[in-house]
Amino acid sequence: MPLTGSQRRALRALGHHLDPVVQVGQAGITEGVIGAVDQALETHELIKVKVQPEDRREAAEELARATGSELAQVLGRTVLLYRPRKEDPKIVV
């Protein structure tokens, strides 16, 4: 379900005051990072992730693919990911 421009804008507004809950270090995207992002998405639906690798856009897209989430924004080293809960979603776009 690709997000439209207005949906991305709404998610960026909701995510503005969030703090990053997961950090990707120099080791890059590992199974542990994917598991942590997956768990955080199940809990919060909308999360920020700090990304250290040089190609942040590629790392953000890889995280979105691996977790089945949508990439709402890449701003500097911060990535905003969205995935609604399977049951009782709180954020509906």
C-alpha atoms as a PDB file:
ATOM      1  CA  MET A   1       0.000   0.000   0.000  1.00  0.00           C
ATOM      2  CA  PRO A   2       2.082   2.931  -1.207  1.00  0.00           C
ATOM      3  CA  LEU A   3       1.382   6.149   0.658  1.00  0.00           C
ATOM      4  CA  THR A   4       0.038   9.216  -1.108  1.00  0.00           C
ATOM      5  CA  GLY A   5       1.583  12.650  -0.638  1.00  0.00           C
ATOM      6  CA  SER A   6      -1.131  13.778   1.775  1.00  0.00           C
ATOM      7  CA  GLN A   7      -0.774  10.583   3.814  1.00  0.00           C
ATOM      8  CA  ARG A   8       3.002  11.101   4.055  1.00  0.00           C
ATOM      9  CA  ARG A   9       2.420  14.703   5.131  1.00  0.00           C
ATOM     10  CA  ALA A  10      -0.002  13.589   7.876  1.00  0.00           C
ATOM     11  CA  LEU A  11       2.464  10.956   9.114  1.00  0.00           C
ATOM     12  CA  ARG A  12       5.330  13.475   9.135  1.00  0.00           C
ATOM     13  CA  ALA A  13       3.196  15.792  11.265  1.00  0.00           C
ATOM     14  CA  LEU A  14       2.412  12.969  13.703  1.00  0.00           C
ATOM     15  CA  GLY A  15       6.055  11.882  13.839  1.00  0.00           C
ATOM     16  CA  HIS A  16       7.551  15.331  14.311  1.00  0.00           C
ATOM     17  CA  HIS A  17       7.768  15.114  18.108  1.00  0.00           C
ATOM     18  CA  LEU A  18       8.785  11.447  18.288  1.00  0.00           C
ATOM     19  CA  ASP A  19      12.213  10.401  19.482  1.00  0.00           C
ATOM     20  CA  PRO A  20      14.149   7.636  17.685  1.00  0.00           C
ATOM     21  CA  VAL A  21      13.451   4.225  19.221  1.00  0.00           C
ATOM     22  CA  VAL A  22      16.033   2.197  17.239  1.00  0.00           C
ATOM     23  CA  GLN A  23      19.550   3.061  16.077  1.00  0.00           C
ATOM     24  CA  VAL A  24      21.359   1.432  13.169  1.00  0.00           C
ATOM     25  CA  GLY A  25      25.102   1.406  13.814  1.00  0.00           C
ATOM     26  CA  GLN A  26      28.137   0.891  11.619  1.00  0.00           C
ATOM     27  CA  ALA A  27      27.293  -2.818  11.263  1.00  0.00           C
ATOM     28  CA  GLY A  28      24.298  -1.786   9.171  1.00  0.00           C
ATOM     29  CA  ILE A  29      20.990  -3.622   8.904  1.00  0.00           C
ATOM     30  CA  THR A  30      21.277  -6.858  10.883  1.00  0.00           C
ATOM     31  CA  GLU A  31      18.680  -9.403  11.952  1.00  0.00           C
ATOM     32  CA  GLY A  32      18.695  -7.853  15.423  1.00  0.00           C
ATOM     33  CA  VAL A  33      17.948  -4.394  14.039  1.00  0.00           C
ATOM     34  CA  ILE A  34      15.146  -5.764  11.851  1.00  0.00           C
ATOM     35  CA  GLY A  35      13.659  -7.555  14.873  1.00  0.00           C
ATOM     36  CA  ALA A  36      13.842  -4.402  17.006  1.00  0.00           C
ATOM     37  CA  VAL A  37      12.217  -2.281  14.288  1.00  0.00           C
ATOM     38  CA  ASP A  38       9.529  -4.916  13.730  1.00  0.00           C
ATOM     39  CA  GLN A  39       8.700  -5.009  17.451  1.00  0.00           C
ATOM     40  CA  ALA A  40       8.682  -1.209  17.726  1.00  0.00           C
ATOM     41  CA  LEU A  41       6.329  -0.939  14.739  1.00  0.00           C
ATOM     42  CA  GLU A  42       3.971  -3.474  16.287  1.00  0.00           C
ATOM     43  CA  THR A  43       3.940  -1.450  19.507  1.00  0.00           C
ATOM     44  CA  HIS A  44       3.897   2.127  18.157  1.00  0.00           C
ATOM     45  CA  GLU A  45       2.878   1.917  14.441  1.00  0.00           C
ATOM     46  CA  LEU A  46       4.897   5.075  13.645  1.00  0.00           C
ATOM     47  CA  ILE A  47       8.571   5.178  14.648  1.00  0.00           C
ATOM     48  CA  LYS A  48      11.763   7.085  14.043  1.00  0.00           C
ATOM     49  CA  VAL A  49      15.019   5.229  13.404  1.00  0.00           C
ATOM     50  CA  LYS A  50      18.507   6.760  13.507  1.00  0.00           C
ATOM     51  CA  VAL A  51      20.630   5.430  10.629  1.00  0.00           C
ATOM     52  CA  GLN A  52      24.462   5.595  10.566  1.00  0.00           C
ATOM     53  CA  PRO A  53      25.425   3.924   7.251  1.00  0.00           C
ATOM     54  CA  GLU A  54      26.602   6.179   4.432  1.00  0.00           C
ATOM     55  CA  ASP A  55      23.690   5.440   2.086  1.00  0.00           C
ATOM     56  CA  ARG A  56      20.819   6.283   4.424  1.00  0.00           C
ATOM     57  CA  ARG A  57      18.129   6.187   1.733  1.00  0.00           C
ATOM     58  CA  GLU A  58      19.074   2.650   0.704  1.00  0.00           C
ATOM     59  CA  ALA A  59      19.208   1.513   4.356  1.00  0.00           C
ATOM     60  CA  ALA A  60      15.781   3.082   4.986  1.00  0.00           C
ATOM     61  CA  GLU A  61      14.269   1.296   1.983  1.00  0.00           C
ATOM     62  CA  GLU A  62      15.837  -1.989   3.096  1.00  0.00           C
ATOM     63  CA  LEU A  63      14.350  -1.589   6.593  1.00  0.00           C
ATOM     64  CA  ALA A  64      10.925  -0.823   5.114  1.00  0.00           C
ATOM     65  CA  ARG A  65      11.085  -3.907   2.852  1.00  0.00           C
ATOM     66  CA  ALA A  66      12.299  -6.203   5.635  1.00  0.00           C
ATOM     67  CA  THR A  67       9.594  -5.114   8.089  1.00  0.00           C
ATOM     68  CA  GLY A  68       6.712  -4.678   5.642  1.00  0.00           C
ATOM     69  CA  SER A  69       6.378  -1.008   6.553  1.00  0.00           C
ATOM     70  CA  GLU A  70       6.064   2.198   4.548  1.00  0.00           C
ATOM     71  CA  LEU A  71       8.808   4.789   4.398  1.00  0.00           C
ATOM     72  CA  ALA A  72       7.199   8.113   5.320  1.00  0.00           C
ATOM     73  CA  GLN A  73      10.326  10.290   5.464  1.00  0.00           C
ATOM     74  CA  VAL A  74      14.119  10.347   5.350  1.00  0.00           C
ATOM     75  CA  LEU A  75      15.490  13.521   6.903  1.00  0.00           C
ATOM     76  CA  GLY A  76      19.216  13.595   7.523  1.00  0.00           C
ATOM     77  CA  ARG A  77      20.031  10.513   9.590  1.00  0.00           C
ATOM     78  CA  THR A  78      16.458  10.021  10.771  1.00  0.00           C
ATOM     79  CA  VAL A  79      13.971   7.710   9.081  1.00  0.00           C
ATOM     80  CA  LEU A  80      10.220   7.684   9.746  1.00  0.00           C
ATOM     81  CA  LEU A  81       8.514   4.300   9.244  1.00  0.00           C
ATOM     82  CA  TYR A  82       4.803   3.452   9.416  1.00  0.00           C
ATOM     83  CA  ARG A  83       3.005   0.128   9.634  1.00  0.00           C
ATOM     84  CA  PRO A  84      -0.535  -0.171  11.027  1.00  0.00           C
ATOM     85  CA  ARG A  85      -1.200  -2.873  13.598  1.00  0.00           C
ATOM     86  CA  LYS A  86      -2.995  -5.966  12.378  1.00  0.00           C
ATOM     87  CA  GLU A  87      -5.492  -5.645  15.218  1.00  0.00           C
ATOM     88  CA  ASP A  88      -6.846  -2.356  16.553  1.00  0.00           C
ATOM     89  CA  PRO A  89      -4.731   0.175  14.611  1.00  0.00           C
ATOM     90  CA  LYS A  90      -4.487   3.566  16.336  1.00  0.00           C
ATOM     91  CA  ILE A  91      -3.143   5.556  13.378  1.00  0.00           C
ATOM     92  CA  VAL A  92      -5.301   5.363  10.273  1.00  0.00           C
ATOM     93  CA  VAL A  93      -4.248   7.252   7.139  1.00  0.00           C
END
